[in-house]
Amino acid sequence: MAATGKCGRIRIGIHALIPGSFLAELIAQYRKTHPGIEVEMNEGTARDAVIQLRADRLDVVFVAGKLELPDCHTRPIWTEPLVAVLPEQHRLAGQSAITWADLVGETFLVRHGGTGPQVHDHIMLRFAGRWPAPPILRFDVGRGMLLSMVGQGFGITIVGAATALLPTTGIAFRSLSDELEPVAFTAVWSPFNRSTALHNLLSLASEMGRSVRADRF
């Protein structure tokens, strides 16, 4: 039964599991169609997740960005637009969309964990060679606490659009009109992992990803 993917377990590394997001829907659909598979999830940074994958402590990880790793298989699965998170009384909160130039002079907040390191690098990349590097403050907090800190005026942050699905107060999500490409989220797994449970999850992820893209066009 394990060989056919009807029983067993799968260990998944994730950046977050937000209700209503693509990843949450993927996990829910997988558990529905494969009830005999025990799903284990581990939340952490992309770096730590890949380390655990290489140590055979995870079967697959989903990370932000298009990774190319020589010793792993990778496949982009879905995308999300980037949005800025502002206090609801912020000078830009009344605009439907903003640009990176509008954010010059702002203080950015990022997490140590989750996608925080990637958010930090993305902010630095967008400012490099165009404007002075912005102050970026790092905090060892969860996603919810970081959003609360934005609402309290500590600074602003950048997140994937799925974060706007969370119940929040005191903050505003605004699209970045000059962020031309959405962020890709990629599945990473070992080429030596022959698990049928893993193969079934990747097949479902690709199928759902194609369906989402088709709905957009």
N, C-alpha and C. Protein backbone atom coordinates (compact mmCIF):
# COMPACT_ATOMS: atom_id res chain seq x y z
N MET A 1 0.83 -1.21 0.00
CA MET A 1 0.00 0.00 0.00
C MET A 1 0.86 1.26 0.00
N ALA A 2 2.01 1.20 0.70
CA ALA A 2 2.92 2.35 0.69
C ALA A 2 3.48 2.58 -0.70
N ALA A 3 3.77 1.49 -1.41
CA ALA A 3 4.34 1.61 -2.76
C ALA A 3 3.36 2.26 -3.73
N THR A 4 2.07 2.09 -3.49
CA THR A 4 1.06 2.68 -4.37
C THR A 4 0.57 4.03 -3.87
N GLY A 5 1.12 4.51 -2.75
CA GLY A 5 0.75 5.82 -2.23
C GLY A 5 -0.55 5.84 -1.45
N LYS A 6 -1.01 4.66 -0.99
CA LYS A 6 -2.28 4.61 -0.25
C LYS A 6 -2.07 4.76 1.25
N CYS A 7 -0.85 4.55 1.72
CA CYS A 7 -0.57 4.76 3.14
C CYS A 7 0.88 5.19 3.27
N GLY A 8 1.24 5.67 4.46
CA GLY A 8 2.60 6.16 4.68
C GLY A 8 2.57 7.57 5.23
N ARG A 9 3.64 8.32 4.98
CA ARG A 9 3.70 9.71 5.44
C ARG A 9 4.50 10.53 4.46
N ILE A 10 4.29 11.83 4.54
CA ILE A 10 5.08 12.77 3.75
C ILE A 10 5.45 13.94 4.65
N ARG A 11 6.70 14.36 4.58
CA ARG A 11 7.22 15.42 5.44
C ARG A 11 7.46 16.66 4.58
N ILE A 12 6.76 17.76 4.91
CA ILE A 12 6.74 18.94 4.06
C ILE A 12 7.31 20.14 4.81
N GLY A 13 8.26 20.83 4.20
CA GLY A 13 8.77 22.08 4.73
C GLY A 13 8.06 23.25 4.09
N ILE A 14 7.56 24.18 4.90
CA ILE A 14 6.76 25.29 4.39
C ILE A 14 7.25 26.61 4.99
N HIS A 15 6.87 27.71 4.34
CA HIS A 15 7.19 29.04 4.87
C HIS A 15 6.05 29.55 5.75
N ALA A 16 4.83 29.11 5.47
CA ALA A 16 3.65 29.49 6.25
C ALA A 16 2.47 28.73 5.69
N LEU A 17 1.41 28.62 6.48
CA LEU A 17 0.19 27.98 6.00
C LEU A 17 -0.98 28.90 6.31
N ILE A 18 -1.30 29.75 5.35
CA ILE A 18 -2.33 30.76 5.52
C ILE A 18 -3.65 30.23 4.99
N PRO A 19 -4.71 30.21 5.79
CA PRO A 19 -6.00 29.73 5.30
C PRO A 19 -6.43 30.45 4.02
N GLY A 20 -6.84 29.69 3.03
CA GLY A 20 -7.27 30.27 1.77
C GLY A 20 -6.16 30.44 0.75
N SER A 21 -4.90 30.25 1.15
CA SER A 21 -3.78 30.40 0.22
C SER A 21 -3.67 29.16 -0.66
N PHE A 22 -2.86 29.26 -1.72
CA PHE A 22 -2.65 28.12 -2.61
C PHE A 22 -2.10 26.93 -1.83
N LEU A 23 -1.11 27.16 -0.99
CA LEU A 23 -0.48 26.06 -0.27
C LEU A 23 -1.47 25.39 0.67
N ALA A 24 -2.29 26.17 1.36
CA ALA A 24 -3.28 25.60 2.27
C ALA A 24 -4.29 24.76 1.49
N GLU A 25 -4.71 25.24 0.32
CA GLU A 25 -5.66 24.49 -0.51
C GLU A 25 -5.00 23.22 -1.04
N LEU A 26 -3.73 23.30 -1.39
CA LEU A 26 -3.01 22.12 -1.87
C LEU A 26 -2.96 21.04 -0.79
N ILE A 27 -2.57 21.42 0.42
CA ILE A 27 -2.47 20.44 1.50
C ILE A 27 -3.84 19.84 1.82
N ALA A 28 -4.87 20.69 1.83
CA ALA A 28 -6.22 20.20 2.13
C ALA A 28 -6.69 19.21 1.07
N GLN A 29 -6.45 19.53 -0.19
CA GLN A 29 -6.87 18.63 -1.27
C GLN A 29 -6.09 17.32 -1.23
N TYR A 30 -4.81 17.40 -0.92
CA TYR A 30 -3.99 16.19 -0.84
C TYR A 30 -4.48 15.28 0.27
N ARG A 31 -4.77 15.84 1.43
CA ARG A 31 -5.25 15.03 2.54
C ARG A 31 -6.61 14.41 2.23
N LYS A 32 -7.41 15.14 1.45
CA LYS A 32 -8.74 14.63 1.08
C LYS A 32 -8.62 13.45 0.12
N THR A 33 -7.72 13.56 -0.86
CA THR A 33 -7.60 12.52 -1.88
C THR A 33 -6.67 11.38 -1.46
N HIS A 34 -5.86 11.60 -0.41
CA HIS A 34 -4.95 10.56 0.07
C HIS A 34 -5.07 10.45 1.59
N PRO A 35 -6.22 9.99 2.07
CA PRO A 35 -6.47 9.98 3.52
C PRO A 35 -5.56 9.03 4.29
N GLY A 36 -4.94 8.09 3.62
CA GLY A 36 -4.06 7.15 4.30
C GLY A 36 -2.65 7.66 4.51
N ILE A 37 -2.36 8.85 4.00
CA ILE A 37 -1.02 9.43 4.12
C ILE A 37 -0.98 10.40 5.30
N GLU A 38 -0.07 10.19 6.22
CA GLU A 38 0.14 11.12 7.33
C GLU A 38 0.98 12.30 6.84
N VAL A 39 0.45 13.50 6.98
CA VAL A 39 1.13 14.71 6.52
C VAL A 39 1.79 15.40 7.70
N GLU A 40 3.12 15.54 7.65
CA GLU A 40 3.88 16.26 8.67
C GLU A 40 4.40 17.55 8.05
N MET A 41 4.29 18.65 8.79
CA MET A 41 4.74 19.94 8.27
C MET A 41 5.71 20.60 9.23
N ASN A 42 6.71 21.26 8.65
CA ASN A 42 7.73 21.96 9.41
C ASN A 42 7.88 23.36 8.83
N GLU A 43 7.69 24.38 9.67
CA GLU A 43 7.80 25.76 9.21
C GLU A 43 9.19 26.31 9.52
N GLY A 44 9.78 27.00 8.56
CA GLY A 44 11.10 27.58 8.79
C GLY A 44 11.58 28.35 7.58
N THR A 45 12.83 28.79 7.62
CA THR A 45 13.40 29.52 6.50
C THR A 45 13.71 28.56 5.36
N ALA A 46 13.86 29.12 4.16
CA ALA A 46 14.20 28.30 3.00
C ALA A 46 15.53 27.60 3.21
N ARG A 47 16.51 28.29 3.78
CA ARG A 47 17.83 27.70 3.99
C ARG A 47 17.75 26.49 4.91
N ASP A 48 17.07 26.65 6.04
CA ASP A 48 16.95 25.54 6.98
C ASP A 48 16.17 24.37 6.38
N ALA A 49 15.14 24.70 5.60
CA ALA A 49 14.32 23.64 4.99
C ALA A 49 15.15 22.81 4.01
N VAL A 50 15.98 23.47 3.20
CA VAL A 50 16.80 22.74 2.24
C VAL A 50 17.84 21.90 2.96
N ILE A 51 18.39 22.41 4.06
CA ILE A 51 19.34 21.63 4.85
C ILE A 51 18.68 20.36 5.36
N GLN A 52 17.46 20.48 5.87
CA GLN A 52 16.74 19.31 6.36
C GLN A 52 16.38 18.36 5.23
N LEU A 53 16.08 18.90 4.07
CA LEU A 53 15.79 18.07 2.91
C LEU A 53 17.01 17.23 2.53
N ARG A 54 18.16 17.87 2.49
CA ARG A 54 19.40 17.16 2.14
C ARG A 54 19.77 16.11 3.19
N ALA A 55 19.34 16.32 4.43
CA ALA A 55 19.61 15.35 5.49
C ALA A 55 18.53 14.28 5.56
N ASP A 56 17.62 14.28 4.61
CA ASP A 56 16.53 13.30 4.53
C ASP A 56 15.58 13.39 5.71
N ARG A 57 15.43 14.62 6.24
CA ARG A 57 14.44 14.82 7.31
C ARG A 57 13.15 15.42 6.77
N LEU A 58 13.17 15.83 5.49
CA LEU A 58 11.98 16.31 4.80
C LEU A 58 11.92 15.66 3.43
N ASP A 59 10.70 15.49 2.91
CA ASP A 59 10.54 14.92 1.57
C ASP A 59 10.46 16.00 0.50
N VAL A 60 9.86 17.13 0.83
CA VAL A 60 9.73 18.22 -0.13
C VAL A 60 9.60 19.52 0.64
N VAL A 61 10.11 20.59 0.07
CA VAL A 61 9.95 21.91 0.68
C VAL A 61 9.40 22.87 -0.38
N PHE A 62 8.59 23.82 0.08
CA PHE A 62 8.06 24.86 -0.79
C PHE A 62 8.68 26.18 -0.35
N VAL A 63 9.39 26.83 -1.25
CA VAL A 63 10.13 28.04 -0.91
C VAL A 63 9.80 29.15 -1.89
N ALA A 64 9.97 30.39 -1.43
CA ALA A 64 9.76 31.54 -2.30
C ALA A 64 10.96 31.72 -3.22
N GLY A 65 10.69 32.01 -4.49
CA GLY A 65 11.75 32.23 -5.46
C GLY A 65 11.95 31.03 -6.37
N LYS A 66 12.63 31.27 -7.48
CA LYS A 66 12.94 30.19 -8.42
C LYS A 66 14.35 29.68 -8.12
N LEU A 67 14.42 28.62 -7.34
CA LEU A 67 15.71 28.06 -6.95
C LEU A 67 16.22 27.10 -8.02
N GLU A 68 17.53 27.07 -8.17
CA GLU A 68 18.19 26.08 -9.00
C GLU A 68 19.32 25.48 -8.17
N LEU A 69 19.13 24.26 -7.71
CA LEU A 69 20.11 23.58 -6.86
C LEU A 69 20.65 22.37 -7.61
N PRO A 70 21.97 22.24 -7.74
CA PRO A 70 22.55 21.16 -8.55
C PRO A 70 22.24 19.76 -8.02
N ASP A 71 21.99 19.64 -6.72
CA ASP A 71 21.76 18.31 -6.15
C ASP A 71 20.29 18.03 -5.84
N CYS A 72 19.40 18.92 -6.26
CA CYS A 72 17.97 18.74 -5.99
C CYS A 72 17.15 19.00 -7.25
N HIS A 73 15.99 18.38 -7.30
CA HIS A 73 15.01 18.72 -8.33
C HIS A 73 14.20 19.91 -7.85
N THR A 74 13.87 20.82 -8.76
CA THR A 74 13.04 21.97 -8.42
C THR A 74 11.98 22.16 -9.48
N ARG A 75 10.83 22.71 -9.06
CA ARG A 75 9.76 22.98 -10.01
C ARG A 75 8.91 24.15 -9.50
N PRO A 76 8.85 25.28 -10.25
CA PRO A 76 7.95 26.36 -9.85
C PRO A 76 6.50 25.86 -9.90
N ILE A 77 5.73 26.16 -8.85
CA ILE A 77 4.37 25.64 -8.74
C ILE A 77 3.31 26.74 -8.86
N TRP A 78 3.46 27.81 -8.10
CA TRP A 78 2.47 28.90 -8.16
C TRP A 78 3.17 30.23 -7.94
N THR A 79 2.45 31.31 -8.16
CA THR A 79 3.01 32.64 -8.00
C THR A 79 2.07 33.51 -7.15
N GLU A 80 2.65 34.52 -6.54
CA GLU A 80 1.87 35.51 -5.79
C GLU A 80 2.45 36.90 -6.05
N PRO A 81 1.61 37.90 -6.26
CA PRO A 81 2.13 39.27 -6.34
C PRO A 81 2.69 39.70 -4.99
N LEU A 82 3.67 40.58 -5.03
CA LEU A 82 4.17 41.20 -3.80
C LEU A 82 3.32 42.42 -3.47
N VAL A 83 3.06 42.61 -2.20
CA VAL A 83 2.31 43.80 -1.77
C VAL A 83 3.03 44.44 -0.60
N ALA A 84 2.85 45.74 -0.46
CA ALA A 84 3.41 46.47 0.68
C ALA A 84 2.37 46.49 1.80
N VAL A 85 2.86 46.37 3.03
CA VAL A 85 1.99 46.45 4.21
C VAL A 85 2.30 47.75 4.93
N LEU A 86 1.27 48.61 5.09
CA LEU A 86 1.43 49.93 5.67
C LEU A 86 0.49 50.11 6.85
N PRO A 87 0.85 50.97 7.81
CA PRO A 87 -0.16 51.35 8.82
C PRO A 87 -1.34 52.01 8.10
N GLU A 88 -2.55 51.78 8.57
CA GLU A 88 -3.72 52.29 7.84
C GLU A 88 -3.77 53.83 7.82
N GLN A 89 -3.01 54.48 8.70
CA GLN A 89 -2.94 55.95 8.68
C GLN A 89 -1.73 56.45 7.89
N HIS A 90 -1.03 55.57 7.22
CA HIS A 90 0.17 55.95 6.46
C HIS A 90 -0.20 56.90 5.32
N ARG A 91 0.75 57.75 4.95
CA ARG A 91 0.52 58.73 3.88
C ARG A 91 0.17 58.07 2.55
N LEU A 92 0.55 56.82 2.34
CA LEU A 92 0.29 56.14 1.07
C LEU A 92 -0.91 55.19 1.14
N ALA A 93 -1.49 55.05 2.33
CA ALA A 93 -2.55 54.04 2.49
C ALA A 93 -3.79 54.35 1.67
N GLY A 94 -3.98 55.62 1.30
CA GLY A 94 -5.15 55.99 0.53
C GLY A 94 -5.03 55.72 -0.96
N GLN A 95 -3.81 55.33 -1.41
CA GLN A 95 -3.61 55.04 -2.82
C GLN A 95 -3.90 53.57 -3.11
N SER A 96 -4.45 53.31 -4.31
CA SER A 96 -4.77 51.93 -4.67
C SER A 96 -3.52 51.13 -5.00
N ALA A 97 -2.49 51.81 -5.49
CA ALA A 97 -1.22 51.16 -5.80
C ALA A 97 -0.10 52.15 -5.57
N ILE A 98 1.09 51.61 -5.27
CA ILE A 98 2.25 52.46 -5.02
C ILE A 98 3.43 51.89 -5.79
N THR A 99 4.54 52.64 -5.77
CA THR A 99 5.76 52.19 -6.44
C THR A 99 6.88 52.09 -5.41
N TRP A 100 7.98 51.45 -5.81
CA TRP A 100 9.13 51.37 -4.92
C TRP A 100 9.69 52.76 -4.62
N ALA A 101 9.60 53.66 -5.60
CA ALA A 101 10.09 55.03 -5.37
C ALA A 101 9.31 55.70 -4.24
N ASP A 102 8.02 55.38 -4.10
CA ASP A 102 7.21 55.94 -3.02
C ASP A 102 7.72 55.52 -1.64
N LEU A 103 8.46 54.40 -1.60
CA LEU A 103 8.89 53.83 -0.32
C LEU A 103 10.28 54.28 0.10
N VAL A 104 10.90 55.15 -0.69
CA VAL A 104 12.21 55.69 -0.31
C VAL A 104 12.06 56.46 1.00
N GLY A 105 12.95 56.19 1.93
CA GLY A 105 12.91 56.85 3.23
C GLY A 105 12.15 56.08 4.29
N GLU A 106 11.49 54.99 3.90
CA GLU A 106 10.73 54.19 4.86
C GLU A 106 11.66 53.22 5.59
N THR A 107 11.26 52.85 6.79
CA THR A 107 11.93 51.79 7.55
C THR A 107 11.19 50.49 7.31
N PHE A 108 11.92 49.46 6.93
CA PHE A 108 11.32 48.16 6.64
C PHE A 108 11.53 47.21 7.81
N LEU A 109 10.52 46.37 8.03
CA LEU A 109 10.58 45.34 9.05
C LEU A 109 10.59 43.98 8.37
N VAL A 110 11.45 43.07 8.82
CA VAL A 110 11.46 41.71 8.30
C VAL A 110 11.65 40.73 9.45
N ARG A 111 11.25 39.51 9.23
CA ARG A 111 11.40 38.47 10.24
C ARG A 111 12.74 37.76 10.07
N HIS A 112 13.27 37.23 11.18
CA HIS A 112 14.43 36.35 11.09
C HIS A 112 14.04 35.03 10.43
N GLY A 113 12.84 34.54 10.75
CA GLY A 113 12.39 33.25 10.24
C GLY A 113 11.52 33.39 9.01
N GLY A 114 10.88 32.25 8.63
CA GLY A 114 9.99 32.25 7.48
C GLY A 114 10.68 32.73 6.22
N THR A 115 10.02 33.62 5.50
CA THR A 115 10.59 34.18 4.27
C THR A 115 11.36 35.48 4.54
N GLY A 116 11.59 35.79 5.83
CA GLY A 116 12.28 37.04 6.17
C GLY A 116 13.58 37.28 5.44
N PRO A 117 14.51 36.29 5.40
CA PRO A 117 15.77 36.52 4.69
C PRO A 117 15.58 36.85 3.20
N GLN A 118 14.62 36.20 2.57
CA GLN A 118 14.37 36.47 1.15
C GLN A 118 13.75 37.85 0.96
N VAL A 119 12.86 38.25 1.87
CA VAL A 119 12.28 39.59 1.81
C VAL A 119 13.37 40.64 1.96
N HIS A 120 14.28 40.42 2.90
CA HIS A 120 15.41 41.35 3.10
C HIS A 120 16.21 41.51 1.82
N ASP A 121 16.56 40.40 1.19
CA ASP A 121 17.37 40.45 -0.03
C ASP A 121 16.62 41.13 -1.16
N HIS A 122 15.32 40.91 -1.24
CA HIS A 122 14.53 41.50 -2.32
C HIS A 122 14.46 43.03 -2.16
N ILE A 123 14.27 43.48 -0.93
CA ILE A 123 14.24 44.92 -0.68
C ILE A 123 15.57 45.56 -1.08
N MET A 124 16.68 44.94 -0.66
CA MET A 124 17.99 45.49 -1.00
C MET A 124 18.21 45.51 -2.51
N LEU A 125 17.74 44.48 -3.19
CA LEU A 125 17.89 44.42 -4.64
C LEU A 125 17.12 45.55 -5.32
N ARG A 126 15.92 45.82 -4.86
CA ARG A 126 15.11 46.86 -5.49
C ARG A 126 15.69 48.26 -5.28
N PHE A 127 16.38 48.47 -4.18
CA PHE A 127 16.94 49.79 -3.90
C PHE A 127 18.36 49.96 -4.47
N ALA A 128 19.03 48.86 -4.76
CA ALA A 128 20.44 48.91 -5.17
C ALA A 128 20.64 49.75 -6.42
N GLY A 129 21.56 50.73 -6.33
CA GLY A 129 21.92 51.55 -7.48
C GLY A 129 20.91 52.61 -7.85
N ARG A 130 19.81 52.70 -7.12
CA ARG A 130 18.76 53.67 -7.46
C ARG A 130 18.55 54.69 -6.34
N TRP A 131 18.48 54.17 -5.10
CA TRP A 131 18.24 55.03 -3.95
C TRP A 131 19.11 54.55 -2.80
N PRO A 132 19.30 55.38 -1.78
CA PRO A 132 20.07 54.93 -0.61
C PRO A 132 19.43 53.68 0.01
N ALA A 133 20.27 52.78 0.51
CA ALA A 133 19.77 51.56 1.14
C ALA A 133 18.88 51.93 2.33
N PRO A 134 17.70 51.34 2.42
CA PRO A 134 16.78 51.71 3.51
C PRO A 134 17.15 51.03 4.82
N PRO A 135 16.73 51.60 5.95
CA PRO A 135 16.90 50.89 7.22
C PRO A 135 16.01 49.64 7.20
N ILE A 136 16.58 48.49 7.55
CA ILE A 136 15.82 47.25 7.62
C ILE A 136 16.03 46.65 9.01
N LEU A 137 14.97 46.55 9.78
CA LEU A 137 15.03 46.03 11.13
C LEU A 137 14.55 44.59 11.14
N ARG A 138 15.33 43.70 11.76
CA ARG A 138 14.96 42.28 11.82
C ARG A 138 14.46 41.94 13.21
N PHE A 139 13.42 41.13 13.24
CA PHE A 139 12.83 40.73 14.51
C PHE A 139 12.58 39.23 14.52
N ASP A 140 12.80 38.63 15.67
CA ASP A 140 12.55 37.20 15.84
C ASP A 140 11.11 37.03 16.32
N VAL A 141 10.17 37.28 15.40
CA VAL A 141 8.75 37.23 15.73
C VAL A 141 8.02 36.44 14.65
N GLY A 142 6.78 36.09 14.94
CA GLY A 142 5.95 35.43 13.95
C GLY A 142 5.34 36.43 12.98
N ARG A 143 4.68 35.89 11.96
CA ARG A 143 4.07 36.75 10.94
C ARG A 143 3.03 37.69 11.55
N GLY A 144 2.18 37.17 12.44
CA GLY A 144 1.13 37.99 13.03
C GLY A 144 1.70 39.15 13.83
N MET A 145 2.75 38.89 14.61
CA MET A 145 3.36 39.95 15.40
C MET A 145 3.99 41.01 14.52
N LEU A 146 4.63 40.60 13.42
CA LEU A 146 5.24 41.58 12.52
C LEU A 146 4.18 42.50 11.93
N LEU A 147 3.04 41.94 11.55
CA LEU A 147 1.95 42.76 11.01
C LEU A 147 1.42 43.73 12.07
N SER A 148 1.35 43.26 13.31
CA SER A 148 0.91 44.14 14.40
C SER A 148 1.90 45.29 14.61
N MET A 149 3.18 45.00 14.47
CA MET A 149 4.20 46.05 14.62
C MET A 149 4.07 47.09 13.52
N VAL A 150 3.71 46.64 12.31
CA VAL A 150 3.45 47.61 11.24
C VAL A 150 2.28 48.51 11.63
N GLY A 151 1.21 47.90 12.13
CA GLY A 151 0.05 48.68 12.54
C GLY A 151 0.35 49.68 13.64
N GLN A 152 1.37 49.35 14.48
CA GLN A 152 1.75 50.24 15.58
C GLN A 152 2.77 51.30 15.17
N GLY A 153 3.15 51.30 13.89
CA GLY A 153 4.01 52.36 13.38
C GLY A 153 5.49 52.10 13.47
N PHE A 154 5.92 50.85 13.71
CA PHE A 154 7.35 50.54 13.76
C PHE A 154 8.01 50.66 12.39
N GLY A 155 7.24 50.48 11.33
CA GLY A 155 7.77 50.52 9.98
C GLY A 155 6.79 49.84 9.03
N ILE A 156 7.27 49.49 7.84
CA ILE A 156 6.43 48.82 6.86
C ILE A 156 7.09 47.50 6.48
N THR A 157 6.41 46.68 5.72
CA THR A 157 7.02 45.44 5.26
C THR A 157 6.46 45.06 3.90
N ILE A 158 7.02 44.00 3.33
CA ILE A 158 6.62 43.48 2.03
C ILE A 158 6.25 42.01 2.22
N VAL A 159 5.13 41.60 1.65
CA VAL A 159 4.68 40.21 1.81
C VAL A 159 4.07 39.71 0.50
N GLY A 160 3.89 38.41 0.41
CA GLY A 160 3.13 37.84 -0.68
C GLY A 160 1.66 38.15 -0.48
N ALA A 161 0.92 38.21 -1.58
CA ALA A 161 -0.48 38.64 -1.52
C ALA A 161 -1.33 37.73 -0.64
N ALA A 162 -0.94 36.47 -0.45
CA ALA A 162 -1.74 35.56 0.37
C ALA A 162 -1.85 36.04 1.81
N THR A 163 -0.87 36.81 2.27
CA THR A 163 -0.90 37.31 3.65
C THR A 163 -2.12 38.21 3.88
N ALA A 164 -2.59 38.85 2.82
CA ALA A 164 -3.77 39.72 2.96
C ALA A 164 -5.02 38.93 3.29
N LEU A 165 -4.97 37.60 3.18
CA LEU A 165 -6.11 36.75 3.54
C LEU A 165 -6.26 36.61 5.05
N LEU A 166 -5.21 36.94 5.80
CA LEU A 166 -5.27 36.84 7.25
C LEU A 166 -6.16 37.93 7.83
N PRO A 167 -6.88 37.63 8.91
CA PRO A 167 -7.66 38.69 9.58
C PRO A 167 -6.71 39.68 10.25
N THR A 168 -6.82 40.94 9.91
CA THR A 168 -5.91 41.96 10.44
C THR A 168 -6.69 43.23 10.74
N THR A 169 -6.09 44.08 11.59
CA THR A 169 -6.64 45.41 11.87
C THR A 169 -5.48 46.39 11.92
N GLY A 170 -5.75 47.62 11.55
CA GLY A 170 -4.76 48.69 11.67
C GLY A 170 -3.73 48.75 10.56
N ILE A 171 -3.86 47.91 9.53
CA ILE A 171 -2.89 47.93 8.44
C ILE A 171 -3.61 47.91 7.10
N ALA A 172 -2.86 48.27 6.06
CA ALA A 172 -3.40 48.28 4.69
C ALA A 172 -2.42 47.56 3.77
N PHE A 173 -2.94 46.77 2.86
CA PHE A 173 -2.14 46.08 1.86
C PHE A 173 -2.28 46.83 0.54
N ARG A 174 -1.16 47.21 -0.07
CA ARG A 174 -1.20 47.96 -1.32
C ARG A 174 -0.27 47.31 -2.34
N SER A 175 -0.78 47.14 -3.56
CA SER A 175 0.02 46.51 -4.61
C SER A 175 1.14 47.43 -5.05
N LEU A 176 2.21 46.83 -5.55
CA LEU A 176 3.37 47.57 -6.06
C LEU A 176 3.29 47.56 -7.58
N SER A 177 2.95 48.68 -8.16
CA SER A 177 2.67 48.73 -9.60
C SER A 177 3.91 48.50 -10.46
N ASP A 178 5.10 48.75 -9.92
CA ASP A 178 6.31 48.52 -10.71
C ASP A 178 7.00 47.21 -10.36
N GLU A 179 6.34 46.36 -9.62
CA GLU A 179 6.82 44.99 -9.37
C GLU A 179 6.20 44.13 -10.46
N LEU A 180 6.91 44.03 -11.60
CA LEU A 180 6.30 43.50 -12.82
C LEU A 180 6.03 42.00 -12.76
N GLU A 181 6.86 41.25 -12.06
CA GLU A 181 6.67 39.80 -12.00
C GLU A 181 6.27 39.38 -10.60
N PRO A 182 5.27 38.51 -10.49
CA PRO A 182 4.93 37.97 -9.17
C PRO A 182 6.04 37.05 -8.68
N VAL A 183 6.04 36.79 -7.40
CA VAL A 183 7.03 35.90 -6.80
C VAL A 183 6.62 34.45 -7.06
N ALA A 184 7.56 33.67 -7.58
CA ALA A 184 7.30 32.25 -7.81
C ALA A 184 7.58 31.47 -6.53
N PHE A 185 6.76 30.47 -6.27
CA PHE A 185 7.01 29.55 -5.16
C PHE A 185 7.34 28.19 -5.74
N THR A 186 8.43 27.62 -5.28
CA THR A 186 9.04 26.46 -5.91
C THR A 186 9.04 25.25 -4.98
N ALA A 187 8.76 24.09 -5.56
CA ALA A 187 8.90 22.82 -4.84
C ALA A 187 10.33 22.32 -5.04
N VAL A 188 10.94 21.83 -3.96
CA VAL A 188 12.30 21.30 -4.00
C VAL A 188 12.28 19.91 -3.37
N TRP A 189 12.89 18.94 -4.05
CA TRP A 189 12.94 17.58 -3.50
C TRP A 189 14.18 16.86 -4.00
N SER A 190 14.53 15.78 -3.33
CA SER A 190 15.72 15.02 -3.67
C SER A 190 15.46 14.13 -4.89
N PRO A 191 16.40 14.05 -5.81
CA PRO A 191 16.23 13.14 -6.96
C PRO A 191 16.26 11.67 -6.55
N PHE A 192 16.71 11.38 -5.33
CA PHE A 192 16.79 10.00 -4.85
C PHE A 192 15.53 9.56 -4.12
N ASN A 193 14.61 10.51 -3.93
CA ASN A 193 13.37 10.18 -3.22
C ASN A 193 12.36 9.60 -4.21
N ARG A 194 12.08 8.30 -4.06
CA ARG A 194 11.17 7.61 -4.98
C ARG A 194 9.78 7.42 -4.37
N SER A 195 9.48 8.13 -3.32
CA SER A 195 8.21 7.97 -2.63
C SER A 195 7.02 8.25 -3.55
N THR A 196 6.08 7.32 -3.59
CA THR A 196 4.86 7.54 -4.37
C THR A 196 4.03 8.66 -3.76
N ALA A 197 4.04 8.76 -2.43
CA ALA A 197 3.31 9.85 -1.76
C ALA A 197 3.84 11.20 -2.22
N LEU A 198 5.16 11.32 -2.36
CA LEU A 198 5.76 12.56 -2.86
C LEU A 198 5.36 12.80 -4.31
N HIS A 199 5.45 11.79 -5.13
CA HIS A 199 5.08 11.93 -6.55
C HIS A 199 3.64 12.39 -6.69
N ASN A 200 2.75 11.84 -5.87
CA ASN A 200 1.34 12.22 -5.94
C ASN A 200 1.13 13.67 -5.53
N LEU A 201 1.86 14.11 -4.51
CA LEU A 201 1.74 15.51 -4.08
C LEU A 201 2.24 16.45 -5.17
N LEU A 202 3.38 16.14 -5.79
CA LEU A 202 3.92 17.00 -6.84
C LEU A 202 2.99 17.04 -8.04
N SER A 203 2.38 15.92 -8.38
CA SER A 203 1.44 15.89 -9.51
C SER A 203 0.23 16.75 -9.22
N LEU A 204 -0.30 16.65 -7.99
CA LEU A 204 -1.44 17.47 -7.61
C LEU A 204 -1.08 18.94 -7.60
N ALA A 205 0.12 19.27 -7.08
CA ALA A 205 0.56 20.67 -7.03
C ALA A 205 0.66 21.26 -8.44
N SER A 206 1.24 20.50 -9.37
CA SER A 206 1.37 21.00 -10.75
C SER A 206 0.00 21.17 -11.40
N GLU A 207 -0.90 20.22 -11.14
CA GLU A 207 -2.25 20.30 -11.71
C GLU A 207 -2.99 21.52 -11.18
N MET A 208 -2.91 21.76 -9.88
CA MET A 208 -3.59 22.92 -9.30
C MET A 208 -2.94 24.22 -9.76
N GLY A 209 -1.60 24.21 -9.91
CA GLY A 209 -0.91 25.40 -10.39
C GLY A 209 -1.33 25.76 -11.80
N ARG A 210 -1.47 24.75 -12.67
CA ARG A 210 -1.93 25.00 -14.04
C ARG A 210 -3.35 25.53 -14.05
N SER A 211 -4.18 25.01 -13.16
CA SER A 211 -5.57 25.46 -13.10
C SER A 211 -5.67 26.91 -12.67
N VAL A 212 -4.84 27.30 -11.71
CA VAL A 212 -4.84 28.71 -11.25
C VAL A 212 -4.39 29.62 -12.38
N ARG A 213 -3.34 29.22 -13.11
CA ARG A 213 -2.86 30.05 -14.22
C ARG A 213 -3.90 30.17 -15.32
N ALA A 214 -4.61 29.08 -15.58
CA ALA A 214 -5.63 29.10 -16.63
C ALA A 214 -6.78 30.04 -16.26
N ASP A 215 -7.12 30.09 -14.96
CA ASP A 215 -8.21 30.95 -14.50
C ASP A 215 -7.86 32.43 -14.66
N ARG A 216 -6.58 32.74 -14.72
CA ARG A 216 -6.16 34.15 -14.80
C ARG A 216 -6.22 34.67 -16.22
N PHE A 217 -6.27 33.78 -17.21
CA PHE A 217 -6.18 34.22 -18.61
C PHE A 217 -7.42 33.80 -19.40
